[in-house]
PDB file of all heavy atoms in Angstrom:
ATOM      1  N   LYS A   1       0.825  -1.209  -0.038  1.00  0.00           N
ATOM      2  CA  LYS A   1       0.002  -0.007   0.015  1.00  0.00           C
ATOM      3  C   LYS A   1       0.875   1.254   0.033  1.00  0.00           C
ATOM      4  O   LYS A   1       1.793   1.374   0.769  1.00  0.00           O
ATOM      5  CB  LYS A   1      -0.888   0.038   1.245  1.00  0.00           C
ATOM      6  CG  LYS A   1      -1.847  -1.146   1.381  1.00  0.00           C
ATOM      7  CD  LYS A   1      -2.824  -1.150   0.200  1.00  0.00           C
ATOM      8  CE  LYS A   1      -3.837  -2.313   0.412  1.00  0.00           C
ATOM      9  NZ  LYS A   1      -4.693  -2.517  -0.713  1.00  0.00           N
ATOM     10  N   SER A   2       0.539   2.196  -0.838  1.00  0.00           N
ATOM     11  CA  SER A   2       1.303   3.461  -0.923  1.00  0.00           C
ATOM     12  C   SER A   2       0.665   4.449   0.064  1.00  0.00           C
ATOM     13  O   SER A   2      -0.580   4.658   0.082  1.00  0.00           O
ATOM     14  CB  SER A   2       1.325   3.995  -2.351  1.00  0.00           C
ATOM     15  OG  SER A   2      -0.013   4.183  -2.857  1.00  0.00           O
ATOM     16  N   ILE A   3       1.480   5.089   0.840  1.00  0.00           N
ATOM     17  CA  ILE A   3       1.030   6.033   1.892  1.00  0.00           C
ATOM     18  C   ILE A   3       1.730   7.357   1.643  1.00  0.00           C
ATOM     19  O   ILE A   3       2.901   7.417   1.389  1.00  0.00           O
ATOM     20  CB  ILE A   3       1.521   5.457   3.298  1.00  0.00           C
ATOM     21  CG1 ILE A   3       1.245   4.023   3.462  1.00  0.00           C
ATOM     22  CG2 ILE A   3       0.986   6.412   4.349  1.00  0.00           C
ATOM     23  CD1 ILE A   3       0.131   3.644   4.325  1.00  0.00           C
ATOM     24  N   PHE A   4       0.882   8.442   1.715  1.00  0.00           N
ATOM     25  CA  PHE A   4       1.389   9.787   1.624  1.00  0.00           C
ATOM     26  C   PHE A   4       1.263  10.376   2.969  1.00  0.00           C
ATOM     27  O   PHE A   4       0.115  10.394   3.577  1.00  0.00           O
ATOM     28  CB  PHE A   4       0.645  10.561   0.583  1.00  0.00           C
ATOM     29  CG  PHE A   4       1.291  11.895   0.256  1.00  0.00           C
ATOM     30  CD1 PHE A   4       2.084  12.021  -0.852  1.00  0.00           C
ATOM     31  CD2 PHE A   4       1.104  12.996   1.124  1.00  0.00           C
ATOM     32  CE1 PHE A   4       2.758  13.218  -1.128  1.00  0.00           C
ATOM     33  CE2 PHE A   4       1.762  14.199   0.813  1.00  0.00           C
ATOM     34  CZ  PHE A   4       2.564  14.334  -0.286  1.00  0.00           C
ATOM     35  N   LEU A   5       2.314  10.988   3.525  1.00  0.00           N
ATOM     36  CA  LEU A   5       2.297  11.624   4.883  1.00  0.00           C
ATOM     37  C   LEU A   5       2.129  13.130   4.743  1.00  0.00           C
ATOM     38  O   LEU A   5       2.956  13.790   4.150  1.00  0.00           O
ATOM     39  CB  LEU A   5       3.543  11.307   5.642  1.00  0.00           C
ATOM     40  CG  LEU A   5       3.900   9.816   5.824  1.00  0.00           C
ATOM     41  CD1 LEU A   5       5.258   9.652   6.506  1.00  0.00           C
ATOM     42  CD2 LEU A   5       2.823   9.146   6.618  1.00  0.00           C
ATOM     43  N   ALA A   6       1.047  13.683   5.293  1.00  0.00           N
ATOM     44  CA  ALA A   6       0.826  15.122   5.354  1.00  0.00           C
ATOM     45  C   ALA A   6       0.842  15.458   6.817  1.00  0.00           C
ATOM     46  O   ALA A   6      -0.136  15.373   7.515  1.00  0.00           O
ATOM     47  CB  ALA A   6      -0.503  15.476   4.703  1.00  0.00           C
ATOM     48  N   GLU A   7       2.011  15.929   7.300  1.00  0.00           N
ATOM     49  CA  GLU A   7       2.220  16.121   8.753  1.00  0.00           C
ATOM     50  C   GLU A   7       3.021  17.419   8.940  1.00  0.00           C
ATOM     51  O   GLU A   7       4.120  17.528   8.380  1.00  0.00           O
ATOM     52  CB  GLU A   7       2.950  14.915   9.345  1.00  0.00           C
ATOM     53  CG  GLU A   7       3.334  15.060  10.763  1.00  0.00           C
ATOM     54  CD  GLU A   7       2.163  15.411  11.715  1.00  0.00           C
ATOM     55  OE1 GLU A   7       1.287  14.656  11.793  1.00  0.00           O
ATOM     56  OE2 GLU A   7       2.315  16.437  12.369  1.00  0.00           O
ATOM     57  N   GLY A   8       2.546  18.257   9.740  1.00  0.00           N
ATOM     58  CA  GLY A   8       3.196  19.608   9.980  1.00  0.00           C
ATOM     59  C   GLY A   8       4.326  19.582  10.974  1.00  0.00           C
ATOM     60  O   GLY A   8       5.187  20.408  10.922  1.00  0.00           O
ATOM     61  N   GLU A   9       4.368  18.608  11.900  1.00  0.00           N
ATOM     62  CA  GLU A   9       5.405  18.515  12.886  1.00  0.00           C
ATOM     63  C   GLU A   9       6.518  17.640  12.533  1.00  0.00           C
ATOM     64  O   GLU A   9       6.283  16.431  12.282  1.00  0.00           O
ATOM     65  CB  GLU A   9       4.768  18.128  14.247  1.00  0.00           C
ATOM     66  CG  GLU A   9       3.714  19.109  14.785  1.00  0.00           C
ATOM     67  CD  GLU A   9       3.187  18.642  16.107  1.00  0.00           C
ATOM     68  OE1 GLU A   9       4.028  18.460  17.043  1.00  0.00           O
ATOM     69  OE2 GLU A   9       1.972  18.482  16.258  1.00  0.00           O
ATOM     70  N   THR A  10       7.710  18.169  12.519  1.00  0.00           N
ATOM     71  CA  THR A  10       8.870  17.399  12.038  1.00  0.00           C
ATOM     72  C   THR A  10       9.055  16.079  12.867  1.00  0.00           C
ATOM     73  O   THR A  10       9.293  15.065  12.295  1.00  0.00           O
ATOM     74  CB  THR A  10      10.150  18.232  12.175  1.00  0.00           C
ATOM     75  OG1 THR A  10       9.975  19.387  11.387  1.00  0.00           O
ATOM     76  CG2 THR A  10      11.420  17.479  11.645  1.00  0.00           C
ATOM     77  N   HIS A  11       8.983  16.119  14.155  1.00  0.00           N
ATOM     78  CA  HIS A  11       9.244  14.944  14.994  1.00  0.00           C
ATOM     79  C   HIS A  11       8.169  13.860  14.753  1.00  0.00           C
ATOM     80  O   HIS A  11       8.466  12.675  14.807  1.00  0.00           O
ATOM     81  CB  HIS A  11       9.348  15.321  16.494  1.00  0.00           C
ATOM     82  CG  HIS A  11       8.078  15.743  17.152  1.00  0.00           C
ATOM     83  ND1 HIS A  11       7.537  17.009  17.023  1.00  0.00           N
ATOM     84  CD2 HIS A  11       7.202  15.096  17.927  1.00  0.00           C
ATOM     85  CE1 HIS A  11       6.421  17.100  17.674  1.00  0.00           C
ATOM     86  NE2 HIS A  11       6.188  15.921  18.269  1.00  0.00           N
ATOM     87  N   VAL A  12       6.936  14.308  14.485  1.00  0.00           N
ATOM     88  CA  VAL A  12       5.883  13.301  14.246  1.00  0.00           C
ATOM     89  C   VAL A  12       6.102  12.707  12.812  1.00  0.00           C
ATOM     90  O   VAL A  12       5.971  11.539  12.614  1.00  0.00           O
ATOM     91  CB  VAL A  12       4.446  13.957  14.270  1.00  0.00           C
ATOM     92  CG1 VAL A  12       3.358  12.989  13.927  1.00  0.00           C
ATOM     93  CG2 VAL A  12       4.195  14.522  15.689  1.00  0.00           C
ATOM     94  N   LEU A  13       6.481  13.582  11.872  1.00  0.00           N
ATOM     95  CA  LEU A  13       6.708  13.100  10.504  1.00  0.00           C
ATOM     96  C   LEU A  13       7.846  12.096  10.489  1.00  0.00           C
ATOM     97  O   LEU A  13       7.763  10.971   9.890  1.00  0.00           O
ATOM     98  CB  LEU A  13       7.104  14.255   9.583  1.00  0.00           C
ATOM     99  CG  LEU A  13       7.335  13.957   8.127  1.00  0.00           C
ATOM    100  CD1 LEU A  13       6.060  13.370   7.495  1.00  0.00           C
ATOM    101  CD2 LEU A  13       7.729  15.243   7.393  1.00  0.00           C
ATOM    102  N   GLU A  14       8.902  12.374  11.265  1.00  0.00           N
ATOM    103  CA  GLU A  14      10.048  11.418  11.410  1.00  0.00           C
ATOM    104  C   GLU A  14       9.621  10.154  12.042  1.00  0.00           C
ATOM    105  O   GLU A  14      10.005   9.037  11.599  1.00  0.00           O
ATOM    106  CB  GLU A  14      11.212  12.049  12.176  1.00  0.00           C
ATOM    107  CG  GLU A  14      11.823  13.175  11.373  1.00  0.00           C
ATOM    108  CD  GLU A  14      12.858  13.980  12.171  1.00  0.00           C
ATOM    109  OE1 GLU A  14      12.974  13.754  13.406  1.00  0.00           O
ATOM    110  OE2 GLU A  14      13.488  14.860  11.561  1.00  0.00           O
ATOM    111  N   ALA A  15       8.778  10.193  13.069  1.00  0.00           N
ATOM    112  CA  ALA A  15       8.290   8.948  13.750  1.00  0.00           C
ATOM    113  C   ALA A  15       7.455   8.145  12.817  1.00  0.00           C
ATOM    114  O   ALA A  15       7.573   6.901  12.761  1.00  0.00           O
ATOM    115  CB  ALA A  15       7.503   9.350  14.997  1.00  0.00           C
ATOM    116  N   LEU A  16       6.555   8.781  12.075  1.00  0.00           N
ATOM    117  CA  LEU A  16       5.695   8.088  11.115  1.00  0.00           C
ATOM    118  C   LEU A  16       6.549   7.433  10.030  1.00  0.00           C
ATOM    119  O   LEU A  16       6.330   6.300   9.625  1.00  0.00           O
ATOM    120  CB  LEU A  16       4.708   9.062  10.484  1.00  0.00           C
ATOM    121  CG  LEU A  16       3.567   9.533  11.378  1.00  0.00           C
ATOM    122  CD1 LEU A  16       2.830  10.605  10.666  1.00  0.00           C
ATOM    123  CD2 LEU A  16       2.659   8.379  11.791  1.00  0.00           C
ATOM    124  N   ARG A  17       7.501   8.185   9.538  1.00  0.00           N
ATOM    125  CA  ARG A  17       8.440   7.629   8.495  1.00  0.00           C
ATOM    126  C   ARG A  17       9.119   6.403   8.982  1.00  0.00           C
ATOM    127  O   ARG A  17       9.171   5.345   8.267  1.00  0.00           O
ATOM    128  CB  ARG A  17       9.407   8.736   8.097  1.00  0.00           C
ATOM    129  CG  ARG A  17      10.295   8.350   6.917  1.00  0.00           C
ATOM    130  CD  ARG A  17      11.352   9.445   6.643  1.00  0.00           C
ATOM    131  NE  ARG A  17      10.820  10.702   6.488  1.00  0.00           N
ATOM    132  CZ  ARG A  17      11.340  11.837   7.129  1.00  0.00           C
ATOM    133  NH1 ARG A  17      12.421  11.682   7.937  1.00  0.00           N
ATOM    134  NH2 ARG A  17      10.831  13.008   6.955  1.00  0.00           N
ATOM    135  N   LEU A  18       9.637   6.406  10.209  1.00  0.00           N
ATOM    136  CA  LEU A  18      10.321   5.271  10.784  1.00  0.00           C
ATOM    137  C   LEU A  18       9.356   4.089  10.993  1.00  0.00           C
ATOM    138  O   LEU A  18       9.633   2.976  10.604  1.00  0.00           O
ATOM    139  CB  LEU A  18      10.927   5.694  12.081  1.00  0.00           C
ATOM    140  CG  LEU A  18      11.732   4.553  12.864  1.00  0.00           C
ATOM    141  CD1 LEU A  18      12.929   4.118  12.092  1.00  0.00           C
ATOM    142  CD2 LEU A  18      12.118   5.004  14.280  1.00  0.00           C
ATOM    143  N   LEU A  19       8.209   4.389  11.571  1.00  0.00           N
ATOM    144  CA  LEU A  19       7.233   3.353  11.869  1.00  0.00           C
ATOM    145  C   LEU A  19       6.728   2.608  10.664  1.00  0.00           C
ATOM    146  O   LEU A  19       6.716   1.394  10.506  1.00  0.00           O
ATOM    147  CB  LEU A  19       6.073   3.899  12.697  1.00  0.00           C
ATOM    148  CG  LEU A  19       4.956   2.939  13.151  1.00  0.00           C
ATOM    149  CD1 LEU A  19       5.534   1.825  14.029  1.00  0.00           C
ATOM    150  CD2 LEU A  19       3.904   3.694  13.802  1.00  0.00           C
ATOM    151  N   ILE A  20       6.254   3.417   9.704  1.00  0.00           N
ATOM    152  CA  ILE A  20       5.659   2.902   8.441  1.00  0.00           C
ATOM    153  C   ILE A  20       6.790   2.286   7.552  1.00  0.00           C
ATOM    154  O   ILE A  20       6.550   1.270   6.909  1.00  0.00           O
ATOM    155  CB  ILE A  20       4.873   3.960   7.696  1.00  0.00           C
ATOM    156  CG1 ILE A  20       3.664   4.395   8.537  1.00  0.00           C
ATOM    157  CG2 ILE A  20       4.436   3.478   6.297  1.00  0.00           C
ATOM    158  CD1 ILE A  20       2.889   5.614   8.065  1.00  0.00           C
ATOM    159  N   GLY A  21       7.945   2.847   7.621  1.00  0.00           N
ATOM    160  CA  GLY A  21       9.072   2.313   6.808  1.00  0.00           C
ATOM    161  C   GLY A  21       9.477   0.874   7.298  1.00  0.00           C
ATOM    162  O   GLY A  21      10.066   0.133   6.475  1.00  0.00           O
ATOM    163  N   GLN A  22       9.101   0.471   8.478  1.00  0.00           N
ATOM    164  CA  GLN A  22       9.411  -0.888   8.967  1.00  0.00           C
ATOM    165  C   GLN A  22       8.355  -1.910   8.468  1.00  0.00           C
ATOM    166  O   GLN A  22       8.568  -3.123   8.696  1.00  0.00           O
ATOM    167  CB  GLN A  22       9.445  -0.845  10.469  1.00  0.00           C
ATOM    168  CG  GLN A  22      10.571  -0.063  11.034  1.00  0.00           C
ATOM    169  CD  GLN A  22      10.491   0.073  12.594  1.00  0.00           C
ATOM    170  OE1 GLN A  22       9.450  -0.174  13.171  1.00  0.00           O
ATOM    171  NE2 GLN A  22      11.580   0.527  13.168  1.00  0.00           N
ATOM    172  N   GLN A  23       7.247  -1.400   7.887  1.00  0.00           N
ATOM    173  CA  GLN A  23       6.192  -2.305   7.485  1.00  0.00           C
ATOM    174  C   GLN A  23       6.441  -2.763   6.031  1.00  0.00           C
ATOM    175  O   GLN A  23       6.478  -1.951   5.108  1.00  0.00           O
ATOM    176  CB  GLN A  23       4.840  -1.563   7.570  1.00  0.00           C
ATOM    177  CG  GLN A  23       4.563  -0.935   8.849  1.00  0.00           C
ATOM    178  CD  GLN A  23       4.740  -1.854  10.058  1.00  0.00           C
ATOM    179  OE1 GLN A  23       4.121  -2.918  10.132  1.00  0.00           O
ATOM    180  NE2 GLN A  23       5.502  -1.420  11.021  1.00  0.00           N
ATOM    181  N   THR A  24       6.533  -4.048   5.797  1.00  0.00           N
ATOM    182  CA  THR A  24       6.899  -4.536   4.455  1.00  0.00           C
ATOM    183  C   THR A  24       5.663  -4.379   3.566  1.00  0.00           C
ATOM    184  O   THR A  24       5.891  -4.339   2.295  1.00  0.00           O
ATOM    185  CB  THR A  24       7.289  -6.067   4.494  1.00  0.00           C
ATOM    186  OG1 THR A  24       6.249  -6.797   5.088  1.00  0.00           O
ATOM    187  CG2 THR A  24       8.586  -6.249   5.250  1.00  0.00           C
ATOM    188  N   GLU A  25       4.534  -4.276   4.074  1.00  0.00           N
ATOM    189  CA  GLU A  25       3.300  -4.148   3.207  1.00  0.00           C
ATOM    190  C   GLU A  25       2.910  -2.692   2.908  1.00  0.00           C
ATOM    191  O   GLU A  25       1.857  -2.423   2.325  1.00  0.00           O
ATOM    192  CB  GLU A  25       2.120  -4.920   3.797  1.00  0.00           C
ATOM    193  CG  GLU A  25       1.541  -4.295   5.060  1.00  0.00           C
ATOM    194  CD  GLU A  25       2.249  -4.531   6.366  1.00  0.00           C
ATOM    195  OE1 GLU A  25       3.375  -5.186   6.331  1.00  0.00           O
ATOM    196  OE2 GLU A  25       1.797  -4.107   7.432  1.00  0.00           O
ATOM    197  N   MET A  26       3.767  -1.767   3.340  1.00  0.00           N
ATOM    198  CA  MET A  26       3.474  -0.362   3.168  1.00  0.00           C
ATOM    199  C   MET A  26       4.742   0.372   2.663  1.00  0.00           C
ATOM    200  O   MET A  26       5.853  -0.010   3.031  1.00  0.00           O
ATOM    201  CB  MET A  26       3.067   0.348   4.456  1.00  0.00           C
ATOM    202  CG  MET A  26       1.792  -0.227   5.091  1.00  0.00           C
ATOM    203  SD  MET A  26       1.507   0.614   6.664  1.00  0.00           S
ATOM    204  CE  MET A  26       0.272  -0.507   7.360  1.00  0.00           C
ATOM    205  N   THR A  27       4.449   1.354   1.820  1.00  0.00           N
ATOM    206  CA  THR A  27       5.622   2.173   1.338  1.00  0.00           C
ATOM    207  C   THR A  27       5.215   3.669   1.365  1.00  0.00           C
ATOM    208  O   THR A  27       4.049   3.944   0.916  1.00  0.00           O
ATOM    209  CB  THR A  27       6.124   1.714  -0.051  1.00  0.00           C
ATOM    210  OG1 THR A  27       7.252   2.501  -0.414  1.00  0.00           O
ATOM    211  CG2 THR A  27       5.048   1.918  -1.136  1.00  0.00           C
ATOM    212  N   ILE A  28       6.073   4.545   1.751  1.00  0.00           N
ATOM    213  CA  ILE A  28       5.765   5.973   1.767  1.00  0.00           C
ATOM    214  C   ILE A  28       6.165   6.507   0.387  1.00  0.00           C
ATOM    215  O   ILE A  28       7.280   6.322  -0.069  1.00  0.00           O
ATOM    216  CB  ILE A  28       6.598   6.699   2.872  1.00  0.00           C
ATOM    217  CG1 ILE A  28       6.121   6.122   4.258  1.00  0.00           C
ATOM    218  CG2 ILE A  28       6.410   8.192   2.765  1.00  0.00           C
ATOM    219  CD1 ILE A  28       7.016   6.580   5.437  1.00  0.00           C
ATOM    220  N   VAL A  29       5.175   7.126  -0.224  1.00  0.00           N
ATOM    221  CA  VAL A  29       5.374   7.640  -1.633  1.00  0.00           C
ATOM    222  C   VAL A  29       5.570   9.151  -1.660  1.00  0.00           C
ATOM    223  O   VAL A  29       5.818   9.726  -2.684  1.00  0.00           O
ATOM    224  CB  VAL A  29       4.292   7.141  -2.542  1.00  0.00           C
ATOM    225  CG1 VAL A  29       4.311   5.664  -2.753  1.00  0.00           C
ATOM    226  CG2 VAL A  29       2.875   7.634  -2.042  1.00  0.00           C
ATOM    227  N   GLY A  30       5.323   9.840  -0.528  1.00  0.00           N
ATOM    228  CA  GLY A  30       5.519  11.270  -0.487  1.00  0.00           C
ATOM    229  C   GLY A  30       5.193  11.876   0.884  1.00  0.00           C
ATOM    230  O   GLY A  30       4.671  11.192   1.732  1.00  0.00           O
ATOM    231  N   GLU A  31       5.712  13.047   1.073  1.00  0.00           N
ATOM    232  CA  GLU A  31       5.490  13.751   2.309  1.00  0.00           C
ATOM    233  C   GLU A  31       5.237  15.205   2.028  1.00  0.00           C
ATOM    234  O   GLU A  31       5.765  15.753   1.068  1.00  0.00           O
ATOM    235  CB  GLU A  31       6.793  13.680   3.219  1.00  0.00           C
ATOM    236  CG  GLU A  31       7.130  12.239   3.593  1.00  0.00           C
ATOM    237  CD  GLU A  31       8.437  12.193   4.355  1.00  0.00           C
ATOM    238  OE1 GLU A  31       9.043  13.276   4.644  1.00  0.00           O
ATOM    239  OE2 GLU A  31       8.930  11.053   4.734  1.00  0.00           O
ATOM    240  N   ALA A  32       4.464  15.831   2.887  1.00  0.00           N
ATOM    241  CA  ALA A  32       4.181  17.273   2.829  1.00  0.00           C
ATOM    242  C   ALA A  32       4.077  17.791   4.216  1.00  0.00           C
ATOM    243  O   ALA A  32       3.555  17.083   5.087  1.00  0.00           O
ATOM    244  CB  ALA A  32       2.931  17.518   2.026  1.00  0.00           C
ATOM    245  N   ARG A  33       4.482  19.077   4.373  1.00  0.00           N
ATOM    246  CA  ARG A  33       4.365  19.708   5.740  1.00  0.00           C
ATOM    247  C   ARG A  33       3.339  20.835   5.763  1.00  0.00           C
ATOM    248  O   ARG A  33       3.234  21.491   6.691  1.00  0.00           O
ATOM    249  CB  ARG A  33       5.711  20.140   6.170  1.00  0.00           C
ATOM    250  CG  ARG A  33       6.718  18.975   6.308  1.00  0.00           C
ATOM    251  CD  ARG A  33       7.818  19.163   7.231  1.00  0.00           C
ATOM    252  NE  ARG A  33       7.422  19.924   8.399  1.00  0.00           N
ATOM    253  CZ  ARG A  33       8.308  20.560   9.148  1.00  0.00           C
ATOM    254  NH1 ARG A  33       9.550  20.595   8.789  1.00  0.00           N
ATOM    255  NH2 ARG A  33       7.904  21.225  10.213  1.00  0.00           N
ATOM    256  N   SER A  34       2.649  21.036   4.574  1.00  0.00           N
ATOM    257  CA  SER A  34       1.648  22.039   4.498  1.00  0.00           C
ATOM    258  C   SER A  34       0.616  21.616   3.433  1.00  0.00           C
ATOM    259  O   SER A  34       0.866  20.666   2.653  1.00  0.00           O
ATOM    260  CB  SER A  34       2.240  23.335   4.059  1.00  0.00           C
ATOM    261  OG  SER A  34       2.652  23.337   2.690  1.00  0.00           O
ATOM    262  N   VAL A  35      -0.582  22.228   3.465  1.00  0.00           N
ATOM    263  CA  VAL A  35      -1.631  21.899   2.491  1.00  0.00           C
ATOM    264  C   VAL A  35      -1.112  22.174   1.064  1.00  0.00           C
ATOM    265  O   VAL A  35      -1.387  21.374   0.184  1.00  0.00           O
ATOM    266  CB  VAL A  35      -2.868  22.720   2.846  1.00  0.00           C
ATOM    267  CG1 VAL A  35      -3.863  22.671   1.713  1.00  0.00           C
ATOM    268  CG2 VAL A  35      -3.496  22.263   4.094  1.00  0.00           C
ATOM    269  N   GLU A  36      -0.418  23.327   0.916  1.00  0.00           N
ATOM    270  CA  GLU A  36       0.027  23.614  -0.498  1.00  0.00           C
ATOM    271  C   GLU A  36       0.903  22.594  -1.056  1.00  0.00           C
ATOM    272  O   GLU A  36       0.710  22.119  -2.199  1.00  0.00           O
ATOM    273  CB  GLU A  36       0.785  25.016  -0.449  1.00  0.00           C
ATOM    274  CG  GLU A  36      -0.060  26.166  -0.103  1.00  0.00           C
ATOM    275  CD  GLU A  36      -0.370  26.309   1.418  1.00  0.00           C
ATOM    276  OE1 GLU A  36       0.372  25.691   2.274  1.00  0.00           O
ATOM    277  OE2 GLU A  36      -1.359  26.960   1.714  1.00  0.00           O
ATOM    278  N   SER A  37       1.886  22.112  -0.291  1.00  0.00           N
ATOM    279  CA  SER A  37       2.799  21.093  -0.815  1.00  0.00           C
ATOM    280  C   SER A  37       2.081  19.744  -0.982  1.00  0.00           C
ATOM    281  O   SER A  37       2.357  18.958  -1.877  1.00  0.00           O
ATOM    282  CB  SER A  37       4.094  20.962  -0.006  1.00  0.00           C
ATOM    283  OG  SER A  37       3.855  20.537   1.283  1.00  0.00           O
ATOM    284  N   LEU A  38       1.120  19.471  -0.121  1.00  0.00           N
ATOM    285  CA  LEU A  38       0.321  18.253  -0.194  1.00  0.00           C
ATOM    286  C   LEU A  38      -0.372  18.226  -1.578  1.00  0.00           C
ATOM    287  O   LEU A  38      -0.371  17.283  -2.337  1.00  0.00           O
ATOM    288  CB  LEU A  38      -0.704  18.135   0.896  1.00  0.00           C
ATOM    289  CG  LEU A  38      -1.850  17.121   0.725  1.00  0.00           C
ATOM    290  CD1 LEU A  38      -1.290  15.680   0.664  1.00  0.00           C
ATOM    291  CD2 LEU A  38      -2.855  17.215   1.825  1.00  0.00           C
ATOM    292  N   LEU A  39      -1.086  19.309  -1.904  1.00  0.00           N
ATOM    293  CA  LEU A  39      -1.810  19.352  -3.157  1.00  0.00           C
ATOM    294  C   LEU A  39      -0.954  19.297  -4.388  1.00  0.00           C
ATOM    295  O   LEU A  39      -1.279  18.641  -5.318  1.00  0.00           O
ATOM    296  CB  LEU A  39      -2.664  20.645  -3.215  1.00  0.00           C
ATOM    297  CG  LEU A  39      -3.842  20.677  -2.191  1.00  0.00           C
ATOM    298  CD1 LEU A  39      -4.555  22.009  -2.139  1.00  0.00           C
ATOM    299  CD2 LEU A  39      -4.872  19.522  -2.479  1.00  0.00           C
ATOM    300  N   VAL A  40       0.258  19.931  -4.341  1.00  0.00           N
ATOM    301  CA  VAL A  40       1.187  19.886  -5.445  1.00  0.00           C
ATOM    302  C   VAL A  40       1.679  18.440  -5.627  1.00  0.00           C
ATOM    303  O   VAL A  40       1.694  17.870  -6.756  1.00  0.00           O
ATOM    304  CB  VAL A  40       2.370  20.822  -5.244  1.00  0.00           C
ATOM    305  CG1 VAL A  40       3.469  20.522  -6.223  1.00  0.00           C
ATOM    306  CG2 VAL A  40       1.923  22.278  -5.337  1.00  0.00           C
TER     307      VAL A  40
END
């Protein structure tokens, strides 16, 4: 499953990246720290 992370707080984004990155059935396909970058 492809996961896109839209998270404003750096420490939460890093924790999510680490946690989801350990899941073999999930892959992070993008990250955004604001609505504008999420939409782009």
